[in-house]
Protein backbone atom coordinates (compact mmCIF):
# COMPACT_ATOMS: atom_id res chain seq x y z
CA UNK A 1 0.00 0.00 0.00
CA UNK A 2 1.27 3.36 -0.85
CA UNK A 3 2.31 5.50 2.19
CA UNK A 4 -0.03 8.41 2.76
CA UNK A 5 1.82 11.62 3.45
CA UNK A 6 0.25 14.06 5.96
CA UNK A 7 0.33 17.75 5.17
CA UNK A 8 2.07 19.94 7.70
CA UNK A 9 0.20 22.92 9.13
CA UNK A 10 1.49 26.25 7.96
CA UNK A 11 3.31 28.18 10.74
CA UNK A 12 1.27 30.93 12.41
CA UNK A 13 2.07 34.41 11.25
CA UNK A 14 4.06 36.43 13.86
CA UNK A 15 2.05 39.00 15.84
CA UNK A 16 2.42 42.52 14.63
CA UNK A 17 4.66 44.58 16.95
CA UNK A 18 2.93 47.18 19.13
CA UNK A 19 3.27 50.69 17.75
CA UNK A 20 5.92 52.72 19.54
CA UNK A 21 4.73 55.19 22.16
CA UNK A 22 6.04 58.13 20.17
CA UNK A 23 3.94 57.22 17.18
CA UNK A 24 0.90 56.94 19.43
CA UNK A 25 1.69 60.34 20.93
CA UNK A 26 2.09 61.79 17.49
CA UNK A 27 -1.15 60.21 16.45
CA UNK A 28 -2.90 61.64 19.50
CA UNK A 29 -1.32 65.02 18.87
CA UNK A 30 -2.57 64.96 15.30
CA UNK A 31 -5.99 63.84 16.47
CA UNK A 32 -6.22 66.49 19.22
CA UNK A 33 -3.45 69.14 18.84
CA UNK A 34 -4.99 71.45 21.48
CA UNK A 35 -4.96 68.73 24.15
CA UNK A 36 -1.37 67.79 23.30
CA UNK A 37 -0.19 71.41 23.56
CA UNK A 38 -1.92 71.80 26.94
CA UNK A 39 -0.19 68.65 28.21
CA UNK A 40 3.22 70.03 27.18
CA UNK A 41 2.57 73.35 28.92
CA UNK A 42 1.45 71.54 32.10
CA UNK A 43 4.54 69.34 32.01
CA UNK A 44 6.82 72.37 31.64
CA UNK A 45 5.13 74.26 34.50
CA UNK A 46 5.25 71.22 36.80
CA UNK A 47 8.95 70.75 36.10
CA UNK A 48 9.77 74.37 36.90
CA UNK A 49 7.70 74.26 40.05
CA UNK A 50 9.47 71.13 41.24
CA UNK A 51 12.88 72.71 40.63
CA UNK A 52 11.83 75.90 42.41
CA UNK A 53 10.49 73.98 45.40
CA UNK A 54 13.71 72.00 45.58
CA UNK A 55 15.79 75.19 45.51
CA UNK A 56 13.60 76.81 48.14
CA UNK A 57 13.94 73.82 50.43
CA UNK A 58 17.70 73.86 49.97
CA UNK A 59 17.86 77.59 50.69
CA UNK A 60 15.78 77.17 53.84
CA UNK A 61 17.92 74.29 54.99
CA UNK A 62 21.10 76.30 54.43
CA UNK A 63 19.65 79.36 56.16
CA UNK A 64 18.53 77.30 59.14
CA UNK A 65 21.92 75.67 59.33
CA UNK A 66 23.66 79.06 59.32
CA UNK A 67 21.34 80.38 62.01
CA UNK A 68 21.86 77.33 64.16
CA UNK A 69 25.62 77.64 63.78
CA UNK A 70 25.52 81.27 64.84
CA UNK A 71 23.00 80.90 67.63
CA UNK A 72 23.93 80.49 71.30
CA UNK A 73 23.25 77.47 73.49
CA UNK A 74 21.73 75.42 70.64
CA UNK A 75 19.01 77.99 69.96
CA UNK A 76 18.02 78.79 66.38
CA UNK A 77 17.61 82.50 67.17
CA UNK A 78 20.54 84.89 67.01
CA UNK A 79 21.07 87.48 69.69
CA UNK A 80 19.95 91.01 68.85
CA UNK A 81 20.03 94.45 70.41
CA UNK A 82 17.76 94.63 73.43
CA UNK A 83 18.01 90.91 74.28
CA UNK A 84 18.99 90.02 77.83
CA UNK A 85 21.18 86.92 77.67
CA UNK A 86 22.03 84.43 80.41
CA UNK A 87 25.76 85.01 80.81
CA UNK A 88 26.40 81.72 82.59
CA UNK A 89 27.74 79.27 80.00
CA UNK A 90 27.13 81.64 77.09
CA UNK A 91 29.63 81.00 74.28
CA UNK A 92 31.64 78.42 76.19
CA UNK A 93 35.27 78.85 77.19
CA UNK A 94 37.88 80.91 75.34
CA UNK A 95 41.51 81.79 76.01
CA UNK A 96 43.33 85.10 76.24
CA UNK A 97 46.45 85.65 74.17
CA UNK A 98 48.40 85.13 77.42
CA UNK A 99 46.97 81.61 77.74
CA UNK A 100 44.42 82.27 80.48
CA UNK A 101 41.09 80.43 80.21
CA UNK A 102 38.02 82.65 80.57
CA UNK A 103 34.34 83.07 79.68
CA UNK A 104 32.07 85.92 78.67
CA UNK A 105 30.55 85.92 82.18
CA UNK A 106 33.99 86.22 83.77
CA UNK A 107 34.87 89.13 81.48
CA UNK A 108 31.60 90.93 82.27
CA UNK A 109 31.98 90.30 86.00
CA UNK A 110 35.50 91.76 85.90
CA UNK A 111 34.34 94.91 84.08
CA UNK A 112 32.75 98.01 85.60
CA UNK A 113 29.90 98.43 83.14
CA UNK A 114 30.18 95.68 80.52
CA UNK A 115 32.35 94.57 77.62
CA UNK A 116 33.00 95.47 74.00
CA UNK A 117 34.08 92.51 71.84
CA UNK A 118 35.07 93.14 68.25
CA UNK A 119 35.60 90.16 65.94
CA UNK A 120 38.15 89.95 63.14
CA UNK A 121 38.89 87.18 60.58
CA UNK A 122 42.69 86.89 60.90
CA UNK A 123 45.36 88.61 62.97
CA UNK A 124 47.86 90.73 61.07
CA UNK A 125 45.90 91.11 57.82
CA UNK A 126 45.36 94.67 56.54
CA UNK A 127 41.66 95.06 57.44
CA UNK A 128 42.09 93.46 60.86
CA UNK A 129 45.12 95.64 61.57
CA UNK A 130 43.13 98.78 60.73
CA UNK A 131 40.25 97.64 62.94
CA UNK A 132 42.47 96.76 65.91
CA UNK A 133 44.37 100.05 65.63
CA UNK A 134 41.10 102.01 65.48
CA UNK A 135 40.07 100.50 68.81
CA UNK A 136 43.59 101.15 70.13
CA UNK A 137 43.45 104.83 69.20
CA UNK A 138 39.97 105.24 70.73
CA UNK A 139 40.77 103.14 73.80
CA UNK A 140 40.73 105.96 76.38
CA UNK A 141 37.36 107.52 75.48
CA UNK A 142 35.69 104.15 74.90
CA UNK A 143 36.73 102.81 78.30
CA UNK A 144 35.98 106.06 80.19
CA UNK A 145 32.44 104.83 80.93
CA UNK A 146 33.64 101.56 82.46
CA UNK A 147 33.46 99.36 79.36
CA UNK A 148 36.25 96.81 78.81
CA UNK A 149 37.50 96.11 75.27
CA UNK A 150 38.55 92.78 73.78
CA UNK A 151 39.43 91.54 70.31
CA UNK A 152 38.16 88.07 69.33
CA UNK A 153 39.26 85.68 66.59
CA UNK A 154 39.99 82.02 65.90
CA UNK A 155 43.74 82.72 65.87
CA UNK A 156 46.14 80.91 68.20
CA UNK A 157 47.51 82.57 71.37
CA UNK A 158 50.90 82.85 69.66
CA UNK A 159 49.49 84.63 66.60
CA UNK A 160 47.38 86.98 68.71
CA UNK A 161 50.27 87.76 71.08
CA UNK A 162 52.46 88.74 68.12
CA UNK A 163 49.61 90.86 66.75
CA UNK A 164 49.08 92.60 70.10
CA UNK A 165 52.80 93.24 70.60
CA UNK A 166 53.52 94.46 67.07
CA UNK A 167 50.59 96.90 67.07
CA UNK A 168 50.94 97.95 70.72
CA UNK A 169 47.33 97.08 71.53
CA UNK A 170 46.29 98.12 75.07
CA UNK A 171 43.55 95.48 75.39
CA UNK A 172 43.63 91.64 75.49
CA UNK A 173 42.93 89.47 72.45
CA UNK A 174 40.70 86.42 72.87
CA UNK A 175 41.43 83.12 71.10
CA UNK A 176 38.41 81.04 70.06
CA UNK A 177 39.66 78.24 67.76
CA UNK A 178 36.31 76.40 67.87
CA UNK A 179 34.37 79.64 67.25
CA UNK A 180 32.07 78.85 70.19
CA UNK A 181 31.81 82.45 71.44
CA UNK A 182 32.06 83.84 67.90
CA UNK A 183 29.09 81.68 66.93
CA UNK A 184 27.11 82.58 70.05
CA UNK A 185 27.30 86.31 69.34
CA UNK A 186 26.39 85.75 65.69
CA UNK A 187 29.63 86.21 63.74
CA UNK A 188 30.50 82.68 62.66
CA UNK A 189 30.50 82.01 58.92
CA UNK A 190 29.25 78.72 57.52
CA UNK A 191 31.03 76.36 57.23
CA UNK A 192 34.16 78.19 58.39
CA UNK A 193 35.37 81.72 59.00
CA UNK A 194 34.64 84.82 61.05
CA UNK A 195 32.55 87.84 60.11
CA UNK A 196 33.98 91.20 61.14
CA UNK A 197 31.68 92.80 63.70
CA UNK A 198 31.21 94.20 67.20
CA UNK A 199 29.22 93.02 70.21
CA UNK A 200 28.52 95.00 73.40
CA UNK A 201 26.80 93.68 76.52
CA UNK A 202 26.32 95.39 79.89
CA UNK A 203 26.57 94.00 83.43
CA UNK A 204 22.95 92.83 83.40
CA UNK A 205 23.47 90.81 80.20
CA UNK A 206 21.58 93.28 78.00
CA UNK A 207 22.86 93.37 74.42
CA UNK A 208 23.61 96.97 73.43
CA UNK A 209 25.29 96.34 70.06
CA UNK A 210 25.39 93.25 67.80
CA UNK A 211 26.25 94.09 64.21
CA UNK A 212 28.70 93.31 61.43
CA UNK A 213 30.66 96.11 59.82
CA UNK A 214 33.84 97.49 58.34
CA UNK A 215 37.07 98.16 60.29
CA UNK A 216 35.99 101.77 60.84
CA UNK A 217 32.24 101.30 61.39
CA UNK A 218 32.76 98.74 64.16
CA UNK A 219 34.51 101.34 66.30
CA UNK A 220 32.28 104.26 65.28
CA UNK A 221 29.13 102.53 66.49
CA UNK A 222 30.72 102.06 69.93
CA UNK A 223 31.73 105.74 70.00
CA UNK A 224 28.11 106.71 69.38
CA UNK A 225 26.93 104.39 72.15
CA UNK A 226 29.40 105.87 74.62
CA UNK A 227 28.47 109.39 73.52
CA UNK A 228 24.79 108.77 74.28
CA UNK A 229 25.60 107.44 77.75
CA UNK A 230 22.73 106.19 79.89
CA UNK A 231 20.17 107.20 77.26
CA UNK A 232 21.34 104.23 75.22
CA UNK A 233 21.64 101.78 78.06
CA UNK A 234 25.23 102.32 79.24
CA UNK A 235 25.01 102.65 83.02
CA UNK A 236 27.10 105.18 84.90
CA UNK A 237 30.11 103.94 86.81
CA UNK A 238 30.04 103.59 90.59
CA UNK A 239 32.25 106.69 90.96
CA UNK A 240 29.94 108.74 88.75
CA UNK A 241 26.86 107.61 90.67
CA UNK A 242 28.51 108.48 94.00
CA UNK A 243 29.51 111.93 92.76
CA UNK A 244 25.99 112.55 91.45
CA UNK A 245 24.43 111.51 94.76
CA UNK A 246 26.85 113.74 96.70
CA UNK A 247 25.94 116.67 94.47
CA UNK A 248 22.23 116.07 95.05
CA UNK A 249 22.77 115.92 98.83
CA UNK A 250 24.70 119.22 98.76
CA UNK A 251 21.95 120.91 96.75
CA UNK A 252 19.31 119.65 99.20
CA UNK A 253 21.38 120.90 102.15
CA UNK A 254 21.76 124.33 100.54
CA UNK A 255 18.01 124.57 99.93
CA UNK A 256 17.27 123.54 103.51
CA UNK A 257 19.74 126.13 104.78
CA UNK A 258 18.14 128.89 102.71
CA UNK A 259 14.68 127.91 103.96
CA UNK A 260 15.90 128.01 107.57
CA UNK A 261 17.51 131.43 107.09
CA UNK A 262 14.34 132.83 105.51
CA UNK A 263 12.20 131.46 108.34
CA UNK A 264 14.53 132.97 110.94
CA UNK A 265 14.35 136.38 109.26
CA UNK A 266 10.57 136.24 109.15
CA UNK A 267 10.43 135.33 112.85
CA UNK A 268 12.79 138.18 113.68
CA UNK A 269 10.73 140.68 111.75
CA UNK A 270 7.55 139.47 113.43
CA UNK A 271 9.08 139.90 116.91
CA UNK A 272 10.36 143.37 116.01
CA UNK A 273 6.95 144.45 114.85
CA UNK A 274 5.39 143.14 118.07
CA UNK A 275 7.77 145.12 120.27
CA UNK A 276 7.14 148.26 118.23
CA UNK A 277 3.39 147.87 118.78
CA UNK A 278 3.80 147.69 122.56
CA UNK A 279 5.77 150.97 122.63
């Protein structure tokens, strides 16, 4: 018997590939160009908004970080004029150019009426030399009200001692390598560095000056403060208060003496008139 051959089934045709997304988008754009244009505009606006929000968040984070670095005692608020600060522990420990450990509280306690602390970026540089010499030249009038003056930087005791000796500075220089006090009074740069400025606090811990400035403006603002005297919060020294009280007592005694003399004269006149009437 002849062998019967079976016919093979024809292979199935391959499935047509899915149209690429771009072609579909183009097709949709052609079908509805207004809707496609609106989608592009929305996409562009959303992208810009996202970038702006990201930048804003970064700016806020940086600003908060700078404030925290410059704020005292872990607070996020910087000290400002009119604040009354707790001197105990404020700004941590620093060192004088002579190697003596000290604190802001110790400096205030040792002063008659408070302290002036000017900050400078680096000892011996031109701007810092001008600033230090300005305070040197105005030392007598600035300290006449009982304020004590100090320079403050992150320099080493050796560098600050050389600076003080070479420029014949009459006040101590404070060394703050960790910028603890510099940061507490608001003059620490982020991540590193010192802003030139001046800080004044009285015996009660009240902040009288806290501002950045040029080598000349940092001393001029203290001159104005001293010139205004008690009207701007600088208390009189103990000697001045004693002299003022003595003057008041003398004036009161003089007035009392004049009143007594006038009363005696009136009594004398009254007696004289009485005797005259009897005659």
